[in-house]
Amino acid sequence: MLYNKKQSDLLKESIIKWEGIVDRTGVDNGTKNCALCQEYYNKFCKDCPIAIHTTVDECFNTPYHDWLIIIESDEWPYENTNDETQKAAEEELEFLQMLLKKTILFRDLT
């Protein structure tokens, strides 16, 4: 996959968010603390590296969707509090890291 520098940088920021969730120092506040969502969500996820990979918007077909299913709260922020959420958070982090590894950076012309 080809991502420009901005897409790659936002993906890296999202990885940092999920590293915090995995080590239980961070929380998931949905689009409010996702660098990718801050840039792409209101554009129907157009040009989001995740949507490019999955070919769908709103993180469907990703471990994040599984994370949302197992959260036992309707209130944001969502926290990693048990073995099931830990596994889901680790899977989301690994997914994002895999996307970053598959990127080939090219000069950002914007």
N, C-alpha and C. Protein backbone atom coordinates (compact mmCIF):
# COMPACT_ATOMS: atom_id res chain seq x y z
N MET A 1 0.83 -1.18 0.00
CA MET A 1 0.00 0.00 0.00
C MET A 1 0.87 1.24 0.00
N LEU A 2 0.40 2.24 -0.64
CA LEU A 2 1.12 3.50 -0.66
C LEU A 2 0.37 4.52 0.18
N TYR A 3 1.02 5.02 1.19
CA TYR A 3 0.44 6.08 2.01
C TYR A 3 1.38 7.27 1.95
N ASN A 4 0.81 8.45 1.99
CA ASN A 4 1.68 9.61 2.05
C ASN A 4 2.15 9.82 3.49
N LYS A 5 3.01 10.79 3.68
CA LYS A 5 3.60 11.01 5.01
C LYS A 5 2.53 11.33 6.05
N LYS A 6 1.54 12.12 5.68
CA LYS A 6 0.48 12.48 6.62
C LYS A 6 -0.29 11.24 7.07
N GLN A 7 -0.67 10.39 6.14
CA GLN A 7 -1.38 9.16 6.49
C GLN A 7 -0.53 8.28 7.41
N SER A 8 0.73 8.15 7.08
CA SER A 8 1.63 7.34 7.89
C SER A 8 1.81 7.92 9.29
N ASP A 9 1.97 9.23 9.37
CA ASP A 9 2.13 9.88 10.68
C ASP A 9 0.87 9.70 11.55
N LEU A 10 -0.30 9.82 10.95
CA LEU A 10 -1.55 9.64 11.70
C LEU A 10 -1.70 8.19 12.14
N LEU A 11 -1.29 7.26 11.31
CA LEU A 11 -1.31 5.85 11.68
C LEU A 11 -0.39 5.60 12.87
N LYS A 12 0.78 6.23 12.87
CA LYS A 12 1.72 6.11 14.00
C LYS A 12 1.10 6.66 15.28
N GLU A 13 0.39 7.79 15.18
CA GLU A 13 -0.28 8.35 16.36
C GLU A 13 -1.35 7.40 16.89
N SER A 14 -2.06 6.75 16.00
CA SER A 14 -3.08 5.79 16.42
C SER A 14 -2.44 4.58 17.09
N ILE A 15 -1.28 4.17 16.61
CA ILE A 15 -0.55 3.08 17.26
C ILE A 15 -0.16 3.47 18.68
N ILE A 16 0.29 4.69 18.87
CA ILE A 16 0.64 5.16 20.22
C ILE A 16 -0.57 5.11 21.13
N LYS A 17 -1.73 5.52 20.62
CA LYS A 17 -2.97 5.45 21.42
C LYS A 17 -3.20 4.01 21.88
N TRP A 18 -3.09 3.06 20.96
CA TRP A 18 -3.38 1.67 21.30
C TRP A 18 -2.30 1.03 22.15
N GLU A 19 -1.08 1.50 22.06
CA GLU A 19 -0.04 1.03 22.98
C GLU A 19 -0.44 1.39 24.41
N GLY A 20 -0.98 2.60 24.58
CA GLY A 20 -1.46 3.01 25.90
C GLY A 20 -2.63 2.19 26.38
N ILE A 21 -3.54 1.85 25.49
CA ILE A 21 -4.70 1.03 25.87
C ILE A 21 -4.23 -0.37 26.26
N VAL A 22 -3.29 -0.92 25.50
CA VAL A 22 -2.78 -2.26 25.81
C VAL A 22 -2.08 -2.28 27.16
N ASP A 23 -1.29 -1.25 27.46
CA ASP A 23 -0.59 -1.26 28.76
C ASP A 23 -1.43 -0.62 29.88
N ARG A 24 -2.68 -0.31 29.57
CA ARG A 24 -3.68 0.19 30.51
C ARG A 24 -3.35 1.56 31.10
N THR A 25 -2.59 2.35 30.35
CA THR A 25 -2.36 3.74 30.76
C THR A 25 -3.19 4.70 29.93
N GLY A 26 -3.84 4.18 28.88
CA GLY A 26 -4.66 5.00 28.00
C GLY A 26 -6.06 4.43 27.86
N VAL A 27 -6.92 5.21 27.24
CA VAL A 27 -8.31 4.81 27.04
C VAL A 27 -8.72 5.07 25.60
N ASP A 28 -9.80 4.45 25.20
CA ASP A 28 -10.37 4.68 23.88
C ASP A 28 -11.53 5.64 24.03
N ASN A 29 -11.40 6.79 23.44
CA ASN A 29 -12.47 7.78 23.45
C ASN A 29 -13.03 7.95 22.03
N GLY A 30 -13.01 6.83 21.30
CA GLY A 30 -13.57 6.83 19.95
C GLY A 30 -12.90 7.81 19.03
N THR A 31 -13.71 8.51 18.26
CA THR A 31 -13.17 9.46 17.28
C THR A 31 -12.48 10.64 17.95
N LYS A 32 -12.77 10.87 19.23
CA LYS A 32 -12.20 12.02 19.93
C LYS A 32 -10.71 11.88 20.20
N ASN A 33 -10.20 10.65 20.29
CA ASN A 33 -8.77 10.51 20.53
C ASN A 33 -8.11 9.55 19.54
N CYS A 34 -8.66 9.51 18.34
CA CYS A 34 -8.05 8.74 17.26
C CYS A 34 -7.56 9.73 16.20
N ALA A 35 -6.26 9.75 15.98
CA ALA A 35 -5.70 10.68 15.01
C ALA A 35 -6.26 10.45 13.61
N LEU A 36 -6.45 9.20 13.23
CA LEU A 36 -7.01 8.91 11.92
C LEU A 36 -8.45 9.41 11.81
N CYS A 37 -9.24 9.17 12.83
CA CYS A 37 -10.63 9.64 12.81
C CYS A 37 -10.72 11.16 12.80
N GLN A 38 -9.84 11.81 13.52
CA GLN A 38 -9.85 13.26 13.54
C GLN A 38 -9.69 13.83 12.13
N GLU A 39 -8.93 13.14 11.32
CA GLU A 39 -8.68 13.60 9.95
C GLU A 39 -9.71 13.09 8.95
N TYR A 40 -10.15 11.84 9.11
CA TYR A 40 -10.90 11.20 8.03
C TYR A 40 -12.36 10.86 8.33
N TYR A 41 -12.75 10.79 9.58
CA TYR A 41 -14.10 10.30 9.91
C TYR A 41 -15.20 11.16 9.27
N ASN A 42 -15.08 12.46 9.36
CA ASN A 42 -16.10 13.34 8.79
C ASN A 42 -16.05 13.41 7.26
N LYS A 43 -15.09 12.70 6.69
CA LYS A 43 -14.99 12.59 5.23
C LYS A 43 -15.39 11.17 4.79
N PHE A 44 -16.22 10.52 5.63
CA PHE A 44 -16.66 9.14 5.37
C PHE A 44 -15.47 8.20 5.24
N CYS A 45 -14.41 8.50 6.00
CA CYS A 45 -13.19 7.70 6.07
C CYS A 45 -12.40 7.67 4.77
N LYS A 46 -12.73 8.55 3.83
CA LYS A 46 -12.01 8.61 2.56
C LYS A 46 -10.53 8.92 2.82
N ASP A 47 -9.67 8.12 2.25
CA ASP A 47 -8.21 8.22 2.37
C ASP A 47 -7.65 7.74 3.70
N CYS A 48 -8.48 7.23 4.58
CA CYS A 48 -7.97 6.65 5.83
C CYS A 48 -7.26 5.34 5.50
N PRO A 49 -6.05 5.15 6.01
CA PRO A 49 -5.33 3.91 5.73
C PRO A 49 -6.11 2.65 6.10
N ILE A 50 -6.89 2.71 7.16
CA ILE A 50 -7.67 1.54 7.56
C ILE A 50 -8.76 1.27 6.53
N ALA A 51 -9.48 2.30 6.13
CA ALA A 51 -10.54 2.12 5.14
C ALA A 51 -9.97 1.69 3.78
N ILE A 52 -8.81 2.18 3.45
CA ILE A 52 -8.17 1.75 2.21
C ILE A 52 -7.89 0.25 2.27
N HIS A 53 -7.40 -0.21 3.41
CA HIS A 53 -7.06 -1.63 3.57
C HIS A 53 -8.31 -2.51 3.59
N THR A 54 -9.34 -2.09 4.32
CA THR A 54 -10.53 -2.94 4.48
C THR A 54 -11.57 -2.72 3.39
N THR A 55 -11.50 -1.61 2.70
CA THR A 55 -12.45 -1.16 1.67
C THR A 55 -13.83 -0.82 2.24
N VAL A 56 -13.91 -0.63 3.56
CA VAL A 56 -15.15 -0.17 4.19
C VAL A 56 -14.81 0.93 5.19
N ASP A 57 -15.82 1.70 5.59
CA ASP A 57 -15.56 2.79 6.52
C ASP A 57 -15.86 2.37 7.96
N GLU A 58 -15.61 3.27 8.86
CA GLU A 58 -15.89 3.14 10.30
C GLU A 58 -15.25 1.92 10.95
N CYS A 59 -14.13 1.50 10.46
CA CYS A 59 -13.34 0.41 11.04
C CYS A 59 -14.06 -0.94 11.09
N PHE A 60 -15.06 -1.10 10.22
CA PHE A 60 -15.65 -2.43 10.09
C PHE A 60 -14.59 -3.36 9.51
N ASN A 61 -14.71 -4.63 9.79
CA ASN A 61 -13.76 -5.66 9.33
C ASN A 61 -12.37 -5.46 9.94
N THR A 62 -12.33 -4.92 11.15
CA THR A 62 -11.06 -4.75 11.86
C THR A 62 -11.23 -5.24 13.30
N PRO A 63 -10.12 -5.44 14.00
CA PRO A 63 -10.23 -5.79 15.42
C PRO A 63 -10.92 -4.71 16.26
N TYR A 64 -10.92 -3.45 15.78
CA TYR A 64 -11.60 -2.40 16.54
C TYR A 64 -13.09 -2.69 16.65
N HIS A 65 -13.66 -3.18 15.61
CA HIS A 65 -15.09 -3.52 15.65
C HIS A 65 -15.33 -4.60 16.70
N ASP A 66 -14.43 -5.57 16.78
CA ASP A 66 -14.54 -6.62 17.81
C ASP A 66 -14.40 -6.02 19.21
N TRP A 67 -13.48 -5.06 19.37
CA TRP A 67 -13.29 -4.36 20.64
C TRP A 67 -14.59 -3.73 21.10
N LEU A 68 -15.28 -3.04 20.19
CA LEU A 68 -16.53 -2.37 20.54
C LEU A 68 -17.60 -3.36 20.97
N ILE A 69 -17.61 -4.53 20.38
CA ILE A 69 -18.62 -5.54 20.71
C ILE A 69 -18.45 -6.05 22.14
N ILE A 70 -17.21 -6.18 22.61
CA ILE A 70 -17.00 -6.76 23.94
C ILE A 70 -16.99 -5.75 25.08
N ILE A 71 -16.91 -4.47 24.76
CA ILE A 71 -16.93 -3.46 25.82
C ILE A 71 -18.26 -3.54 26.56
N GLU A 72 -18.20 -3.52 27.87
CA GLU A 72 -19.42 -3.68 28.66
C GLU A 72 -20.02 -2.36 29.11
N SER A 73 -19.61 -1.28 28.51
CA SER A 73 -20.09 0.04 28.91
C SER A 73 -20.66 0.78 27.71
N ASP A 74 -21.65 1.60 27.97
CA ASP A 74 -22.18 2.48 26.94
C ASP A 74 -21.60 3.88 27.07
N GLU A 75 -20.73 4.07 28.03
CA GLU A 75 -20.17 5.39 28.32
C GLU A 75 -18.71 5.46 27.87
N TRP A 76 -18.37 6.52 27.15
CA TRP A 76 -16.98 6.78 26.81
C TRP A 76 -16.28 7.37 28.01
N PRO A 77 -15.02 7.23 28.22
CA PRO A 77 -14.10 6.45 27.40
C PRO A 77 -14.17 4.96 27.75
N TYR A 78 -13.74 4.14 26.81
CA TYR A 78 -13.68 2.70 27.01
C TYR A 78 -12.30 2.34 27.54
N GLU A 79 -12.29 1.44 28.50
CA GLU A 79 -11.03 1.05 29.13
C GLU A 79 -10.77 -0.44 28.94
N ASN A 80 -9.52 -0.77 28.96
CA ASN A 80 -9.07 -2.16 28.93
C ASN A 80 -9.04 -2.65 30.37
N THR A 81 -10.01 -3.49 30.74
CA THR A 81 -10.17 -3.84 32.15
C THR A 81 -10.10 -5.32 32.46
N ASN A 82 -10.06 -6.18 31.43
CA ASN A 82 -10.07 -7.62 31.72
C ASN A 82 -9.35 -8.37 30.61
N ASP A 83 -9.29 -9.69 30.75
CA ASP A 83 -8.58 -10.51 29.76
C ASP A 83 -9.17 -10.38 28.36
N GLU A 84 -10.48 -10.29 28.27
CA GLU A 84 -11.12 -10.21 26.97
C GLU A 84 -10.82 -8.87 26.27
N THR A 85 -10.89 -7.78 27.03
CA THR A 85 -10.57 -6.48 26.43
C THR A 85 -9.07 -6.39 26.14
N GLN A 86 -8.25 -7.01 26.97
CA GLN A 86 -6.80 -7.02 26.72
C GLN A 86 -6.51 -7.69 25.39
N LYS A 87 -7.11 -8.83 25.15
CA LYS A 87 -6.88 -9.55 23.90
C LYS A 87 -7.35 -8.70 22.71
N ALA A 88 -8.52 -8.08 22.83
CA ALA A 88 -9.04 -7.26 21.74
C ALA A 88 -8.14 -6.05 21.49
N ALA A 89 -7.65 -5.42 22.55
CA ALA A 89 -6.77 -4.26 22.40
C ALA A 89 -5.46 -4.67 21.74
N GLU A 90 -4.91 -5.82 22.13
CA GLU A 90 -3.68 -6.31 21.52
C GLU A 90 -3.88 -6.59 20.04
N GLU A 91 -5.03 -7.15 19.69
CA GLU A 91 -5.32 -7.44 18.28
C GLU A 91 -5.45 -6.15 17.46
N GLU A 92 -6.05 -5.13 18.03
CA GLU A 92 -6.15 -3.84 17.32
C GLU A 92 -4.76 -3.24 17.13
N LEU A 93 -3.94 -3.27 18.17
CA LEU A 93 -2.59 -2.74 18.06
C LEU A 93 -1.79 -3.50 16.99
N GLU A 94 -1.88 -4.81 17.00
CA GLU A 94 -1.16 -5.61 16.01
C GLU A 94 -1.66 -5.31 14.59
N PHE A 95 -2.95 -5.09 14.44
CA PHE A 95 -3.51 -4.74 13.14
C PHE A 95 -2.93 -3.42 12.63
N LEU A 96 -2.91 -2.42 13.49
CA LEU A 96 -2.37 -1.11 13.10
C LEU A 96 -0.88 -1.21 12.77
N GLN A 97 -0.15 -1.98 13.57
CA GLN A 97 1.28 -2.16 13.32
C GLN A 97 1.52 -2.87 11.98
N MET A 98 0.66 -3.84 11.67
CA MET A 98 0.76 -4.54 10.39
C MET A 98 0.54 -3.57 9.24
N LEU A 99 -0.46 -2.70 9.38
CA LEU A 99 -0.71 -1.71 8.33
C LEU A 99 0.50 -0.80 8.12
N LEU A 100 1.10 -0.38 9.21
CA LEU A 100 2.26 0.50 9.10
C LEU A 100 3.42 -0.22 8.42
N LYS A 101 3.63 -1.48 8.76
CA LYS A 101 4.73 -2.24 8.15
C LYS A 101 4.53 -2.41 6.65
N LYS A 102 3.28 -2.45 6.21
CA LYS A 102 3.01 -2.64 4.78
C LYS A 102 3.10 -1.34 3.98
N THR A 103 3.30 -0.25 4.65
CA THR A 103 3.32 1.03 3.94
C THR A 103 4.65 1.25 3.24
N ILE A 104 4.55 1.91 2.14
CA ILE A 104 5.72 2.42 1.43
C ILE A 104 5.55 3.92 1.36
N LEU A 105 6.40 4.63 2.03
CA LEU A 105 6.26 6.07 2.09
C LEU A 105 6.77 6.72 0.82
N PHE A 106 6.07 7.72 0.41
CA PHE A 106 6.56 8.54 -0.67
C PHE A 106 6.39 10.00 -0.29
N ARG A 107 7.05 10.86 -0.99
CA ARG A 107 7.06 12.28 -0.65
C ARG A 107 5.64 12.84 -0.62
N ASP A 108 5.32 13.49 0.48
CA ASP A 108 4.01 14.09 0.64
C ASP A 108 3.97 15.38 -0.18
N LEU A 109 3.16 15.39 -1.20
CA LEU A 109 3.08 16.55 -2.09
C LEU A 109 2.10 17.61 -1.62
N THR A 110 1.45 17.36 -0.49
CA THR A 110 0.47 18.33 -0.01
C THR A 110 1.10 19.32 0.94
